Amino acid sequence: MAQVFIPISGSNIGSHLAQIFVDIHNVMLARRKMTLTELSRRLDIALPNLSILKNGHAKAIRMALLDALCRELDCQPGELLVWEPDDAAEKE
């Protein structure tokens, strides 16, 4: 199976800067009574890497990780992915 990456936060696509973030917010974790450390353990991903994703500093996410996040947090991808328009597009 091919690895599929979704470019996020700060990736150039065409003439626009992608402003899509993975939003693993504390409310979502709290609803599931789960800490970021526990999510990290369940996903078998290093806590610093999950923190980079949570804090909006990741450049891409693998579809397999997005799938695992949705499975563990019992949510849909649309609940995790957030789009914000870039400033250049708003000024045009």
PDB file of N, CA and C in Angstrom:
ATOM      1  N   MET A   1       0.846  -1.176   0.000  1.00  0.00           N
ATOM      2  CA  MET A   1       0.000   0.000   0.000  1.00  0.00           C
ATOM      3  C   MET A   1       0.891   1.239   0.000  1.00  0.00           C
ATOM      4  N   ALA A   2       0.548   2.203  -0.819  1.00  0.00           N
ATOM      5  CA  ALA A   2       1.334   3.425  -0.948  1.00  0.00           C
ATOM      6  C   ALA A   2       1.123   4.326   0.259  1.00  0.00           C
ATOM      7  N   GLN A   3       2.171   5.028   0.644  1.00  0.00           N
ATOM      8  CA  GLN A   3       2.080   6.015   1.717  1.00  0.00           C
ATOM      9  C   GLN A   3       1.447   7.275   1.144  1.00  0.00           C
ATOM     10  N   VAL A   4       0.443   7.797   1.808  1.00  0.00           N
ATOM     11  CA  VAL A   4      -0.216   9.012   1.366  1.00  0.00           C
ATOM     12  C   VAL A   4      -0.031  10.062   2.449  1.00  0.00           C
ATOM     13  N   PHE A   5       0.457  11.227   2.063  1.00  0.00           N
ATOM     14  CA  PHE A   5       0.657  12.328   2.989  1.00  0.00           C
ATOM     15  C   PHE A   5      -0.282  13.460   2.627  1.00  0.00           C
ATOM     16  N   ILE A   6      -0.868  14.063   3.619  1.00  0.00           N
ATOM     17  CA  ILE A   6      -1.676  15.258   3.411  1.00  0.00           C
ATOM     18  C   ILE A   6      -0.812  16.437   3.831  1.00  0.00           C
ATOM     19  N   PRO A   7      -0.467  17.362   2.902  1.00  0.00           N
ATOM     20  CA  PRO A   7       0.285  18.537   3.326  1.00  0.00           C
ATOM     21  C   PRO A   7      -0.599  19.419   4.197  1.00  0.00           C
ATOM     22  N   ILE A   8      -0.043  19.908   5.284  1.00  0.00           N
ATOM     23  CA  ILE A   8      -0.799  20.782   6.178  1.00  0.00           C
ATOM     24  C   ILE A   8       0.046  21.969   6.564  1.00  0.00           C
ATOM     25  N   SER A   9      -0.492  22.859   7.335  1.00  0.00           N
ATOM     26  CA  SER A   9       0.138  24.050   7.908  1.00  0.00           C
ATOM     27  C   SER A   9       1.446  24.482   7.256  1.00  0.00           C
ATOM     28  N   GLY A  10       1.377  25.521   6.460  1.00  0.00           N
ATOM     29  CA  GLY A  10       2.588  26.126   5.920  1.00  0.00           C
ATOM     30  C   GLY A  10       3.110  25.504   4.645  1.00  0.00           C
ATOM     31  N   SER A  11       2.411  24.546   4.042  1.00  0.00           N
ATOM     32  CA  SER A  11       2.866  23.936   2.800  1.00  0.00           C
ATOM     33  C   SER A  11       2.379  24.764   1.619  1.00  0.00           C
ATOM     34  N   ASN A  12       3.269  24.991   0.653  1.00  0.00           N
ATOM     35  CA  ASN A  12       2.879  25.739  -0.538  1.00  0.00           C
ATOM     36  C   ASN A  12       2.153  24.819  -1.509  1.00  0.00           C
ATOM     37  N   ILE A  13       0.956  25.214  -1.905  1.00  0.00           N
ATOM     38  CA  ILE A  13       0.181  24.482  -2.897  1.00  0.00           C
ATOM     39  C   ILE A  13      -0.282  25.521  -3.897  1.00  0.00           C
ATOM     40  N   GLY A  14       0.213  25.417  -5.109  1.00  0.00           N
ATOM     41  CA  GLY A  14      -0.115  26.433  -6.106  1.00  0.00           C
ATOM     42  C   GLY A  14       0.439  27.766  -5.658  1.00  0.00           C
ATOM     43  N   SER A  15      -0.386  28.805  -5.712  1.00  0.00           N
ATOM     44  CA  SER A  15       0.070  30.134  -5.307  1.00  0.00           C
ATOM     45  C   SER A  15      -0.347  30.477  -3.885  1.00  0.00           C
ATOM     46  N   HIS A  16      -0.951  29.524  -3.191  1.00  0.00           N
ATOM     47  CA  HIS A  16      -1.428  29.790  -1.837  1.00  0.00           C
ATOM     48  C   HIS A  16      -0.683  28.956  -0.812  1.00  0.00           C
ATOM     49  N   LEU A  17      -0.606  29.468   0.376  1.00  0.00           N
ATOM     50  CA  LEU A  17      -0.007  28.772   1.500  1.00  0.00           C
ATOM     51  C   LEU A  17      -1.114  28.003   2.201  1.00  0.00           C
ATOM     52  N   ALA A  18      -0.979  26.690   2.281  1.00  0.00           N
ATOM     53  CA  ALA A  18      -2.012  25.876   2.914  1.00  0.00           C
ATOM     54  C   ALA A  18      -2.097  26.209   4.397  1.00  0.00           C
ATOM     55  N   GLN A  19      -3.292  26.408   4.868  1.00  0.00           N
ATOM     56  CA  GLN A  19      -3.537  26.722   6.277  1.00  0.00           C
ATOM     57  C   GLN A  19      -4.494  25.685   6.860  1.00  0.00           C
ATOM     58  N   ILE A  20      -4.114  24.423   6.753  1.00  0.00           N
ATOM     59  CA  ILE A  20      -4.921  23.340   7.307  1.00  0.00           C
ATOM     60  C   ILE A  20      -4.170  22.799   8.514  1.00  0.00           C
ATOM     61  N   PHE A  21      -4.878  22.691   9.608  1.00  0.00           N
ATOM     62  CA  PHE A  21      -4.270  22.251  10.849  1.00  0.00           C
ATOM     63  C   PHE A  21      -4.971  21.012  11.369  1.00  0.00           C
ATOM     64  N   VAL A  22      -4.224  20.165  12.059  1.00  0.00           N
ATOM     65  CA  VAL A  22      -4.804  19.043  12.785  1.00  0.00           C
ATOM     66  C   VAL A  22      -5.096  19.560  14.183  1.00  0.00           C
ATOM     67  N   ASP A  23      -6.356  19.500  14.565  1.00  0.00           N
ATOM     68  CA  ASP A  23      -6.797  20.075  15.831  1.00  0.00           C
ATOM     69  C   ASP A  23      -7.135  18.981  16.833  1.00  0.00           C
ATOM     70  N   ILE A  24      -6.128  18.541  17.584  1.00  0.00           N
ATOM     71  CA  ILE A  24      -6.356  17.585  18.671  1.00  0.00           C
ATOM     72  C   ILE A  24      -6.462  18.425  19.930  1.00  0.00           C
ATOM     73  N   HIS A  25      -7.607  19.037  20.121  1.00  0.00           N
ATOM     74  CA  HIS A  25      -7.747  19.981  21.216  1.00  0.00           C
ATOM     75  C   HIS A  25      -8.008  19.279  22.538  1.00  0.00           C
ATOM     76  N   ASN A  26      -7.722  19.983  23.600  1.00  0.00           N
ATOM     77  CA  ASN A  26      -7.849  19.427  24.938  1.00  0.00           C
ATOM     78  C   ASN A  26      -9.286  19.027  25.264  1.00  0.00           C
ATOM     79  N   VAL A  27     -10.275  19.717  24.682  1.00  0.00           N
ATOM     80  CA  VAL A  27     -11.674  19.366  24.926  1.00  0.00           C
ATOM     81  C   VAL A  27     -11.956  17.963  24.398  1.00  0.00           C
ATOM     82  N   MET A  28     -11.444  17.669  23.195  1.00  0.00           N
ATOM     83  CA  MET A  28     -11.648  16.342  22.615  1.00  0.00           C
ATOM     84  C   MET A  28     -10.996  15.273  23.485  1.00  0.00           C
ATOM     85  N   LEU A  29      -9.805  15.550  23.970  1.00  0.00           N
ATOM     86  CA  LEU A  29      -9.124  14.600  24.852  1.00  0.00           C
ATOM     87  C   LEU A  29      -9.856  14.479  26.187  1.00  0.00           C
ATOM     88  N   ALA A  30     -10.322  15.593  26.718  1.00  0.00           N
ATOM     89  CA  ALA A  30     -11.008  15.583  28.011  1.00  0.00           C
ATOM     90  C   ALA A  30     -12.318  14.799  27.935  1.00  0.00           C
ATOM     91  N   ARG A  31     -13.050  14.957  26.827  1.00  0.00           N
ATOM     92  CA  ARG A  31     -14.307  14.206  26.660  1.00  0.00           C
ATOM     93  C   ARG A  31     -14.067  12.710  26.727  1.00  0.00           C
ATOM     94  N   ARG A  32     -12.896  12.289  26.292  1.00  0.00           N
ATOM     95  CA  ARG A  32     -12.557  10.866  26.281  1.00  0.00           C
ATOM     96  C   ARG A  32     -11.731  10.470  27.507  1.00  0.00           C
ATOM     97  N   LYS A  33     -11.568  11.433  28.428  1.00  0.00           N
ATOM     98  CA  LYS A  33     -10.778  11.207  29.642  1.00  0.00           C
ATOM     99  C   LYS A  33      -9.415  10.614  29.299  1.00  0.00           C
ATOM    100  N   MET A  34      -8.742  11.293  28.350  1.00  0.00           N
ATOM    101  CA  MET A  34      -7.461  10.818  27.847  1.00  0.00           C
ATOM    102  C   MET A  34      -6.464  11.965  27.813  1.00  0.00           C
ATOM    103  N   THR A  35      -5.257  11.700  28.244  1.00  0.00           N
ATOM    104  CA  THR A  35      -4.193  12.696  28.157  1.00  0.00           C
ATOM    105  C   THR A  35      -3.475  12.529  26.820  1.00  0.00           C
ATOM    106  N   LEU A  36      -2.689  13.525  26.455  1.00  0.00           N
ATOM    107  CA  LEU A  36      -1.885  13.434  25.244  1.00  0.00           C
ATOM    108  C   LEU A  36      -0.884  12.288  25.374  1.00  0.00           C
ATOM    109  N   THR A  37      -0.381  12.081  26.579  1.00  0.00           N
ATOM    110  CA  THR A  37       0.558  10.975  26.828  1.00  0.00           C
ATOM    111  C   THR A  37      -0.113   9.635  26.572  1.00  0.00           C
ATOM    112  N   GLU A  38      -1.344   9.479  27.041  1.00  0.00           N
ATOM    113  CA  GLU A  38      -2.086   8.236  26.813  1.00  0.00           C
ATOM    114  C   GLU A  38      -2.375   8.035  25.330  1.00  0.00           C
ATOM    115  N   LEU A  39      -2.763   9.093  24.627  1.00  0.00           N
ATOM    116  CA  LEU A  39      -3.004   9.001  23.187  1.00  0.00           C
ATOM    117  C   LEU A  39      -1.716   8.603  22.469  1.00  0.00           C
ATOM    118  N   SER A  40      -0.611   9.184  22.885  1.00  0.00           N
ATOM    119  CA  SER A  40       0.692   8.854  22.308  1.00  0.00           C
ATOM    120  C   SER A  40       0.998   7.368  22.473  1.00  0.00           C
ATOM    121  N   ARG A  41       0.732   6.834  23.654  1.00  0.00           N
ATOM    122  CA  ARG A  41       0.984   5.413  23.933  1.00  0.00           C
ATOM    123  C   ARG A  41       0.072   4.533  23.077  1.00  0.00           C
ATOM    124  N   ARG A  42      -1.204   4.896  23.002  1.00  0.00           N
ATOM    125  CA  ARG A  42      -2.158   4.095  22.233  1.00  0.00           C
ATOM    126  C   ARG A  42      -1.840   4.082  20.742  1.00  0.00           C
ATOM    127  N   LEU A  43      -1.332   5.196  20.229  1.00  0.00           N
ATOM    128  CA  LEU A  43      -0.995   5.295  18.810  1.00  0.00           C
ATOM    129  C   LEU A  43       0.408   4.796  18.500  1.00  0.00           C
ATOM    130  N   ASP A  44       1.190   4.553  19.549  1.00  0.00           N
ATOM    131  CA  ASP A  44       2.590   4.154  19.396  1.00  0.00           C
ATOM    132  C   ASP A  44       3.364   5.196  18.591  1.00  0.00           C
ATOM    133  N   ILE A  45       3.174   6.463  18.996  1.00  0.00           N
ATOM    134  CA  ILE A  45       3.877   7.582  18.379  1.00  0.00           C
ATOM    135  C   ILE A  45       4.557   8.371  19.498  1.00  0.00           C
ATOM    136  N   ALA A  46       5.760   8.843  19.234  1.00  0.00           N
ATOM    137  CA  ALA A  46       6.510   9.579  20.257  1.00  0.00           C
ATOM    138  C   ALA A  46       5.738  10.834  20.678  1.00  0.00           C
ATOM    139  N   LEU A  47       5.709  11.101  21.976  1.00  0.00           N
ATOM    140  CA  LEU A  47       4.988  12.251  22.514  1.00  0.00           C
ATOM    141  C   LEU A  47       5.423  13.570  21.866  1.00  0.00           C
ATOM    142  N   PRO A  48       6.738  13.807  21.668  1.00  0.00           N
ATOM    143  CA  PRO A  48       7.120  15.069  20.996  1.00  0.00           C
ATOM    144  C   PRO A  48       6.528  15.196  19.585  1.00  0.00           C
ATOM    145  N   ASN A  49       6.447  14.095  18.858  1.00  0.00           N
ATOM    146  CA  ASN A  49       5.862  14.145  17.505  1.00  0.00           C
ATOM    147  C   ASN A  49       4.367  14.439  17.560  1.00  0.00           C
ATOM    148  N   LEU A  50       3.673  13.858  18.524  1.00  0.00           N
ATOM    149  CA  LEU A  50       2.247  14.136  18.677  1.00  0.00           C
ATOM    150  C   LEU A  50       2.028  15.577  19.129  1.00  0.00           C
ATOM    151  N   SER A  51       2.929  16.097  19.949  1.00  0.00           N
ATOM    152  CA  SER A  51       2.841  17.490  20.389  1.00  0.00           C
ATOM    153  C   SER A  51       3.016  18.449  19.213  1.00  0.00           C
ATOM    154  N   ILE A  52       3.933  18.134  18.307  1.00  0.00           N
ATOM    155  CA  ILE A  52       4.135  18.950  17.102  1.00  0.00           C
ATOM    156  C   ILE A  52       2.850  18.987  16.284  1.00  0.00           C
ATOM    157  N   LEU A  53       2.210  17.849  16.158  1.00  0.00           N
ATOM    158  CA  LEU A  53       0.943  17.769  15.434  1.00  0.00           C
ATOM    159  C   LEU A  53      -0.135  18.568  16.150  1.00  0.00           C
ATOM    160  N   LYS A  54      -0.247  18.414  17.455  1.00  0.00           N
ATOM    161  CA  LYS A  54      -1.271  19.092  18.254  1.00  0.00           C
ATOM    162  C   LYS A  54      -1.087  20.610  18.238  1.00  0.00           C
ATOM    163  N   ASN A  55       0.161  21.069  18.250  1.00  0.00           N
ATOM    164  CA  ASN A  55       0.438  22.500  18.314  1.00  0.00           C
ATOM    165  C   ASN A  55       0.434  23.186  16.947  1.00  0.00           C
ATOM    166  N   GLY A  56       0.089  22.444  15.893  1.00  0.00           N
ATOM    167  CA  GLY A  56      -0.037  23.040  14.565  1.00  0.00           C
ATOM    168  C   GLY A  56       1.280  23.277  13.851  1.00  0.00           C
ATOM    169  N   HIS A  57       2.338  22.561  14.223  1.00  0.00           N
ATOM    170  CA  HIS A  57       3.641  22.778  13.603  1.00  0.00           C
ATOM    171  C   HIS A  57       4.022  21.691  12.606  1.00  0.00           C
ATOM    172  N   ALA A  58       3.136  20.711  12.402  1.00  0.00           N
ATOM    173  CA  ALA A  58       3.436  19.618  11.469  1.00  0.00           C
ATOM    174  C   ALA A  58       3.302  20.109  10.030  1.00  0.00           C
ATOM    175  N   LYS A  59       4.105  19.549   9.140  1.00  0.00           N
ATOM    176  CA  LYS A  59       4.056  19.912   7.720  1.00  0.00           C
ATOM    177  C   LYS A  59       3.205  18.935   6.916  1.00  0.00           C
ATOM    178  N   ALA A  60       2.971  17.725   7.447  1.00  0.00           N
ATOM    179  CA  ALA A  60       2.166  16.716   6.750  1.00  0.00           C
ATOM    180  C   ALA A  60       1.697  15.685   7.773  1.00  0.00           C
ATOM    181  N   ILE A  61       0.690  14.924   7.382  1.00  0.00           N
ATOM    182  CA  ILE A  61       0.215  13.838   8.220  1.00  0.00           C
ATOM    183  C   ILE A  61      -0.053  12.635   7.319  1.00  0.00           C
ATOM    184  N   ARG A  62       0.338  11.472   7.765  1.00  0.00           N
ATOM    185  CA  ARG A  62       0.062  10.252   7.004  1.00  0.00           C
ATOM    186  C   ARG A  62      -1.395   9.878   7.189  1.00  0.00           C
ATOM    187  N   MET A  63      -1.968   9.343   6.125  1.00  0.00           N
ATOM    188  CA  MET A  63      -3.363   8.899   6.202  1.00  0.00           C
ATOM    189  C   MET A  63      -3.528   7.839   7.286  1.00  0.00           C
ATOM    190  N   ALA A  64      -2.527   6.987   7.459  1.00  0.00           N
ATOM    191  CA  ALA A  64      -2.603   5.943   8.488  1.00  0.00           C
ATOM    192  C   ALA A  64      -2.681   6.560   9.882  1.00  0.00           C
ATOM    193  N   LEU A  65      -1.954   7.654  10.119  1.00  0.00           N
ATOM    194  CA  LEU A  65      -2.012   8.323  11.416  1.00  0.00           C
ATOM    195  C   LEU A  65      -3.358   9.010  11.596  1.00  0.00           C
ATOM    196  N   LEU A  66      -3.866   9.649  10.550  1.00  0.00           N
ATOM    197  CA  LEU A  66      -5.184  10.272  10.628  1.00  0.00           C
ATOM    198  C   LEU A  66      -6.246   9.220  10.946  1.00  0.00           C
ATOM    199  N   ASP A  67      -6.138   8.065  10.310  1.00  0.00           N
ATOM    200  CA  ASP A  67      -7.052   6.958  10.571  1.00  0.00           C
ATOM    201  C   ASP A  67      -6.948   6.506  12.032  1.00  0.00           C
ATOM    202  N   ALA A  68      -5.729   6.358  12.525  1.00  0.00           N
ATOM    203  CA  ALA A  68      -5.525   5.919  13.913  1.00  0.00           C
ATOM    204  C   ALA A  68      -6.059   6.955  14.908  1.00  0.00           C
ATOM    205  N   LEU A  69      -5.850   8.237  14.624  1.00  0.00           N
ATOM    206  CA  LEU A  69      -6.383   9.295  15.491  1.00  0.00           C
ATOM    207  C   LEU A  69      -7.908   9.230  15.549  1.00  0.00           C
ATOM    208  N   CYS A  70      -8.528   9.071  14.388  1.00  0.00           N
ATOM    209  CA  CYS A  70      -9.995   8.994  14.342  1.00  0.00           C
ATOM    210  C   CYS A  70     -10.497   7.772  15.105  1.00  0.00           C
ATOM    211  N   ARG A  71      -9.791   6.664  14.976  1.00  0.00           N
ATOM    212  CA  ARG A  71     -10.186   5.452  15.676  1.00  0.00           C
ATOM    213  C   ARG A  71     -10.100   5.635  17.189  1.00  0.00           C
ATOM    214  N   GLU A  72      -8.981   6.167  17.666  1.00  0.00           N
ATOM    215  CA  GLU A  72      -8.767   6.326  19.112  1.00  0.00           C
ATOM    216  C   GLU A  72      -9.642   7.415  19.718  1.00  0.00           C
ATOM    217  N   LEU A  73      -9.905   8.486  18.957  1.00  0.00           N
ATOM    218  CA  LEU A  73     -10.700   9.595  19.482  1.00  0.00           C
ATOM    219  C   LEU A  73     -12.179   9.470  19.119  1.00  0.00           C
ATOM    220  N   ASP A  74     -12.519   8.402  18.382  1.00  0.00           N
ATOM    221  CA  ASP A  74     -13.892   8.142  17.974  1.00  0.00           C
ATOM    222  C   ASP A  74     -14.505   9.382  17.312  1.00  0.00           C
ATOM    223  N   CYS A  75     -13.845   9.823  16.245  1.00  0.00           N
ATOM    224  CA  CYS A  75     -14.299  11.023  15.549  1.00  0.00           C
ATOM    225  C   CYS A  75     -14.104  10.859  14.049  1.00  0.00           C
ATOM    226  N   GLN A  76     -14.556  11.830  13.300  1.00  0.00           N
ATOM    227  CA  GLN A  76     -14.395  11.868  11.855  1.00  0.00           C
ATOM    228  C   GLN A  76     -13.204  12.763  11.502  1.00  0.00           C
ATOM    229  N   PRO A  77     -12.553  12.543  10.352  1.00  0.00           N
ATOM    230  CA  PRO A  77     -11.428  13.404   9.960  1.00  0.00           C
ATOM    231  C   PRO A  77     -11.793  14.889   9.958  1.00  0.00           C
ATOM    232  N   GLY A  78     -13.012  15.208   9.578  1.00  0.00           N
ATOM    233  CA  GLY A  78     -13.455  16.604   9.543  1.00  0.00           C
ATOM    234  C   GLY A  78     -13.489  17.268  10.915  1.00  0.00           C
ATOM    235  N   GLU A  79     -13.521  16.463  11.971  1.00  0.00           N
ATOM    236  CA  GLU A  79     -13.475  17.012  13.322  1.00  0.00           C
ATOM    237  C   GLU A  79     -12.043  17.341  13.743  1.00  0.00           C
ATOM    238  N   LEU A  80     -11.066  16.806  13.018  1.00  0.00           N
ATOM    239  CA  LEU A  80      -9.652  17.031  13.342  1.00  0.00           C
ATOM    240  C   LEU A  80      -8.987  18.034  12.416  1.00  0.00           C
ATOM    241  N   LEU A  81      -9.442  18.093  11.164  1.00  0.00           N
ATOM    242  CA  LEU A  81      -8.806  18.982  10.185  1.00  0.00           C
ATOM    243  C   LEU A  81      -9.546  20.309  10.136  1.00  0.00           C
ATOM    244  N   VAL A  82      -8.806  21.393  10.303  1.00  0.00           N
ATOM    245  CA  VAL A  82      -9.373  22.740  10.332  1.00  0.00           C
ATOM    246  C   VAL A  82      -8.670  23.576   9.270  1.00  0.00           C
ATOM    247  N   TRP A  83      -9.450  24.260   8.421  1.00  0.00           N
ATOM    248  CA  TRP A  83      -8.887  25.130   7.392  1.00  0.00           C
ATOM    249  C   TRP A  83      -9.084  26.578   7.796  1.00  0.00           C
ATOM    250  N   GLU A  84      -8.016  27.349   7.646  1.00  0.00           N
ATOM    251  CA  GLU A  84      -8.078  28.792   7.872  1.00  0.00           C
ATOM    252  C   GLU A  84      -7.521  29.476   6.640  1.00  0.00           C
ATOM    253  N   PRO A  85      -8.240  30.466   6.087  1.00  0.00           N
ATOM    254  CA  PRO A  85      -7.742  31.146   4.885  1.00  0.00           C
ATOM    255  C   PRO A  85      -6.457  31.904   5.191  1.00  0.00           C
ATOM    256  N   ASP A  86      -5.566  31.919   4.199  1.00  0.00           N
ATOM    257  CA  ASP A  86      -4.323  32.678   4.395  1.00  0.00           C
ATOM    258  C   ASP A  86      -4.598  34.168   4.158  1.00  0.00           C
ATOM    259  N   ASP A  87      -3.756  35.016   4.699  1.00  0.00           N
ATOM    260  CA  ASP A  87      -3.957  36.454   4.597  1.00  0.00           C
ATOM    261  C   ASP A  87      -3.925  36.958   3.157  1.00  0.00           C
ATOM    262  N   ALA A  88      -3.073  36.364   2.306  1.00  0.00           N
ATOM    263  CA  ALA A  88      -2.960  36.810   0.917  1.00  0.00           C
ATOM    264  C   ALA A  88      -4.248  36.577   0.161  1.00  0.00           C
ATOM    265  N   ALA A  89      -4.888  35.446   0.387  1.00  0.00           N
ATOM    266  CA  ALA A  89      -6.126  35.134  -0.320  1.00  0.00           C
ATOM    267  C   ALA A  89      -7.252  36.072   0.109  1.00  0.00           C
ATOM    268  N   GLU A  90      -7.251  36.482   1.370  1.00  0.00           N
ATOM    269  CA  GLU A  90      -8.283  37.383   1.867  1.00  0.00           C
ATOM    270  C   GLU A  90      -8.147  38.780   1.271  1.00  0.00           C
ATOM    271  N   LYS A  91      -6.906  39.214   0.966  1.00  0.00           N
ATOM    272  CA  LYS A  91      -6.663  40.565   0.469  1.00  0.00           C
ATOM    273  C   LYS A  91      -6.978  40.702  -1.011  1.00  0.00           C
ATOM    274  N   GLU A  92      -7.050  39.593  -1.755  1.00  0.00           N
ATOM    275  CA  GLU A  92      -7.282  39.657  -3.202  1.00  0.00           C
ATOM    276  C   GLU A  92      -8.707  39.962  -3.525  1.00  0.00           C
TER     277      GLU A  92
END
